[in-house]
Amino acid sequence: MDAQLTPLPLDWVKAIYRRLTMLWGDQFVRKWDGIPFDELMVAWSEELAGYTPEELKCGLAGCKTKTFPVSFSEFMALCRPPLNPEDGFAEAMAQSQLRPMGRDKWSHPAIFWTYYALSWEFKNLTTRELEKRWAPEFKRIMAQGQWEPIPEVKTELVSYTPEPEVRSTIGRKGFDELMKRWSAT
């Protein structure tokens, strides 16, 4: 477990265990025979540190497709399924439209940072050209294994007022006329 991460609340871990027990019954419970329940819950809590509620829901949903009870490492993998370039590209295409308004929601920071690395291409290439550039860049970013958090978008408008030297150069009357023309008075 990463020392910086807070263990998952025990109530959450117990709820996950109950869900998995409901899914596979005694077959799941027998998987953990011989391990004291409290110790098992603490171990899961520590191992699931840093997992988001969305990731845990994804893991639980993935369990529904399995015939046999999953191991704990399999459950963790279901929570964080590997990303593929095609899905990442589709997400980046959609989120790039929402980013300027600050309404973007990225499922993984690597998708955002690949988009960021290719931001010029997103504005200047066709979708087909961009798609060819995406996969190798996505693989390079994914190989890093760690990513900075996704920065927030600053959406506030900035008004422009010319510096005093500009005002004095064009004169007060000229400045007022420019501002009227730009409807900024």
Protein backbone atom coordinates (compact mmCIF):
# COMPACT_ATOMS: atom_id res chain seq x y z
CA MET A 1 0.00 0.00 0.00
CA ASP A 2 1.20 3.54 -0.76
CA ALA A 3 1.99 5.28 2.54
CA GLN A 4 0.37 8.51 1.31
CA LEU A 5 -3.04 6.97 0.69
CA THR A 6 -5.75 6.60 3.30
CA PRO A 7 -7.11 3.06 3.68
CA LEU A 8 -10.61 2.56 2.35
CA PRO A 9 -13.22 2.90 5.11
CA LEU A 10 -13.95 -0.50 6.67
CA ASP A 11 -17.69 0.03 6.12
CA TRP A 12 -17.04 0.23 2.39
CA VAL A 13 -14.88 -2.91 2.43
CA LYS A 14 -17.54 -4.84 4.37
CA ALA A 15 -20.19 -3.68 1.87
CA ILE A 16 -18.03 -4.94 -1.02
CA TYR A 17 -17.54 -8.27 0.76
CA ARG A 18 -21.31 -8.59 1.31
CA ARG A 19 -21.99 -7.86 -2.37
CA LEU A 20 -19.49 -10.48 -3.48
CA THR A 21 -20.92 -12.97 -0.99
CA MET A 22 -24.40 -12.32 -2.40
CA LEU A 23 -23.04 -12.91 -5.90
CA TRP A 24 -21.24 -16.21 -5.22
CA GLY A 25 -22.48 -17.26 -1.76
CA ASP A 26 -20.57 -19.89 0.17
CA GLN A 27 -18.21 -20.41 -2.75
CA PHE A 28 -16.82 -16.89 -2.17
CA VAL A 29 -16.73 -17.19 1.64
CA ARG A 30 -14.76 -20.49 1.45
CA LYS A 31 -12.11 -18.67 -0.58
CA TRP A 32 -11.10 -16.89 2.63
CA ASP A 33 -11.33 -19.84 5.07
CA GLY A 34 -8.70 -19.68 7.76
CA ILE A 35 -8.24 -15.90 7.57
CA PRO A 36 -9.81 -13.98 10.46
CA PHE A 37 -12.56 -11.74 9.05
CA ASP A 38 -11.27 -8.56 10.78
CA GLU A 39 -7.76 -9.10 9.43
CA LEU A 40 -9.15 -9.73 5.96
CA MET A 41 -11.14 -6.50 6.05
CA VAL A 42 -8.12 -4.46 7.23
CA ALA A 43 -5.93 -5.96 4.50
CA TRP A 44 -8.54 -5.16 1.83
CA SER A 45 -8.95 -1.67 3.25
CA GLU A 46 -5.24 -1.01 2.93
CA GLU A 47 -4.93 -2.55 -0.53
CA LEU A 48 -7.90 -0.57 -1.85
CA ALA A 49 -6.49 2.74 -0.59
CA GLY A 50 -6.83 5.35 -3.33
CA TYR A 51 -9.61 3.56 -5.21
CA THR A 52 -12.54 5.82 -6.04
CA PRO A 53 -16.21 4.89 -5.59
CA GLU A 54 -16.52 4.81 -9.40
CA GLU A 55 -13.64 2.35 -9.67
CA LEU A 56 -15.15 0.11 -6.97
CA LYS A 57 -18.50 0.14 -8.79
CA CYS A 58 -16.68 -0.80 -11.98
CA GLY A 59 -15.05 -3.75 -10.15
CA LEU A 60 -18.37 -4.92 -8.74
CA ALA A 61 -20.00 -4.66 -12.17
CA GLY A 62 -17.13 -6.65 -13.69
CA CYS A 63 -17.66 -9.41 -11.12
CA LYS A 64 -21.17 -9.96 -12.46
CA THR A 65 -19.68 -11.28 -15.69
CA LYS A 66 -17.58 -13.92 -13.91
CA THR A 67 -18.79 -17.46 -13.35
CA PHE A 68 -16.46 -18.19 -10.42
CA PRO A 69 -15.45 -16.00 -7.47
CA VAL A 70 -12.58 -13.70 -8.31
CA SER A 71 -9.39 -13.43 -6.28
CA PHE A 72 -8.67 -10.12 -4.61
CA SER A 73 -6.08 -9.19 -7.25
CA GLU A 74 -8.64 -9.99 -9.97
CA PHE A 75 -11.14 -7.72 -8.23
CA MET A 76 -8.58 -4.90 -8.15
CA ALA A 77 -7.92 -5.40 -11.87
CA LEU A 78 -11.66 -5.23 -12.58
CA CYS A 79 -11.80 -1.94 -10.69
CA ARG A 80 -9.10 -0.47 -12.91
CA PRO A 81 -9.37 -2.17 -16.28
CA PRO A 82 -6.52 -1.52 -18.69
CA LEU A 83 -7.06 1.42 -20.99
CA ASN A 84 -6.96 0.90 -24.69
CA PRO A 85 -5.98 3.60 -27.18
CA GLU A 86 -9.27 3.49 -29.11
CA ASP A 87 -11.44 4.15 -26.05
CA GLY A 88 -9.01 6.83 -24.88
CA PHE A 89 -9.16 8.55 -28.26
CA ALA A 90 -12.96 8.54 -28.28
CA GLU A 91 -13.01 10.03 -24.79
CA ALA A 92 -10.44 12.69 -25.71
CA MET A 93 -12.45 13.70 -28.77
CA ALA A 94 -15.55 14.19 -26.62
CA GLN A 95 -13.84 15.86 -23.67
CA SER A 96 -11.79 18.21 -25.85
CA GLN A 97 -15.07 19.87 -26.86
CA LEU A 98 -16.05 20.37 -23.20
CA ARG A 99 -12.61 21.45 -21.93
CA PRO A 100 -12.81 25.15 -22.93
CA MET A 101 -15.99 25.52 -20.84
CA GLY A 102 -14.53 23.65 -17.87
CA ARG A 103 -17.13 20.87 -18.16
CA ASP A 104 -14.72 18.08 -19.10
CA LYS A 105 -14.61 14.85 -17.06
CA TRP A 106 -11.70 12.52 -17.76
CA SER A 107 -11.79 8.86 -16.69
CA HIS A 108 -8.01 8.67 -16.40
CA PRO A 109 -5.24 11.29 -16.23
CA ALA A 110 -3.25 9.52 -18.98
CA ILE A 111 -6.03 10.22 -21.45
CA PHE A 112 -5.98 13.91 -20.52
CA TRP A 113 -2.17 14.16 -20.70
CA THR A 114 -2.14 12.48 -24.12
CA TYR A 115 -4.74 15.00 -25.27
CA TYR A 116 -2.61 17.78 -23.77
CA ALA A 117 0.54 16.53 -25.54
CA LEU A 118 -1.39 16.54 -28.82
CA SER A 119 -3.35 19.74 -28.22
CA TRP A 120 -1.92 21.43 -31.34
CA GLU A 121 -2.86 18.38 -33.40
CA PHE A 122 -6.39 18.41 -31.96
CA LYS A 123 -6.85 21.91 -33.35
CA ASN A 124 -5.06 21.48 -36.67
CA LEU A 125 -5.33 17.91 -37.96
CA THR A 126 -8.20 15.90 -39.36
CA THR A 127 -9.66 13.19 -37.14
CA ARG A 128 -8.01 10.52 -39.28
CA GLU A 129 -4.57 12.18 -39.03
CA LEU A 130 -5.01 12.74 -35.31
CA GLU A 131 -6.03 9.14 -34.72
CA LYS A 132 -2.73 7.95 -36.25
CA ARG A 133 -0.77 10.19 -33.86
CA TRP A 134 -2.87 9.21 -30.83
CA ALA A 135 -1.94 5.54 -30.29
CA PRO A 136 1.87 5.94 -30.08
CA GLU A 137 1.58 9.02 -27.86
CA PHE A 138 -0.99 7.30 -25.64
CA LYS A 139 1.32 4.30 -25.20
CA ARG A 140 4.21 6.61 -24.31
CA ILE A 141 2.13 8.46 -21.69
CA MET A 142 0.71 5.19 -20.27
CA ALA A 143 4.24 3.81 -19.88
CA GLN A 144 5.02 6.59 -17.39
CA GLY A 145 2.87 4.81 -14.81
CA GLN A 146 2.24 8.02 -12.85
CA TRP A 147 0.57 11.22 -13.96
CA GLU A 148 0.08 14.69 -12.62
CA PRO A 149 -3.46 15.57 -11.59
CA ILE A 150 -5.62 17.07 -14.32
CA PRO A 151 -5.51 20.88 -13.98
CA GLU A 152 -8.72 22.83 -13.69
CA VAL A 153 -9.72 25.12 -16.52
CA LYS A 154 -9.75 28.83 -15.86
CA THR A 155 -12.90 30.06 -17.56
CA GLU A 156 -13.22 33.61 -16.28
CA LEU A 157 -13.15 36.40 -18.83
CA VAL A 158 -10.37 38.93 -18.65
CA SER A 159 -11.07 42.51 -19.60
CA TYR A 160 -8.37 44.48 -21.33
CA THR A 161 -7.50 47.99 -20.39
CA PRO A 162 -4.58 49.52 -22.28
CA GLU A 163 -1.57 50.56 -20.29
CA PRO A 164 -1.42 54.27 -19.31
CA GLU A 165 1.26 54.92 -21.97
CA VAL A 166 -1.12 53.69 -24.69
CA ARG A 167 -3.90 55.92 -23.40
CA SER A 168 -1.68 58.95 -23.38
CA THR A 169 -0.35 58.19 -26.89
CA ILE A 170 -3.77 58.03 -28.53
CA GLY A 171 -5.23 60.68 -26.25
CA ARG A 172 -8.29 60.48 -24.05
CA LYS A 173 -10.67 61.30 -26.89
CA GLY A 174 -9.13 58.68 -29.19
CA PHE A 175 -9.24 56.09 -26.39
CA ASP A 176 -12.93 56.81 -25.70
CA GLU A 177 -13.73 56.46 -29.42
CA LEU A 178 -11.95 53.10 -29.61
CA MET A 179 -13.82 51.84 -26.57
CA LYS A 180 -17.17 52.93 -28.06
CA ARG A 181 -16.35 51.17 -31.31
CA TRP A 182 -15.58 47.99 -29.37
CA SER A 183 -18.68 48.45 -27.19
CA ALA A 184 -16.48 48.21 -24.12
CA THR A 185 -17.44 51.44 -22.34
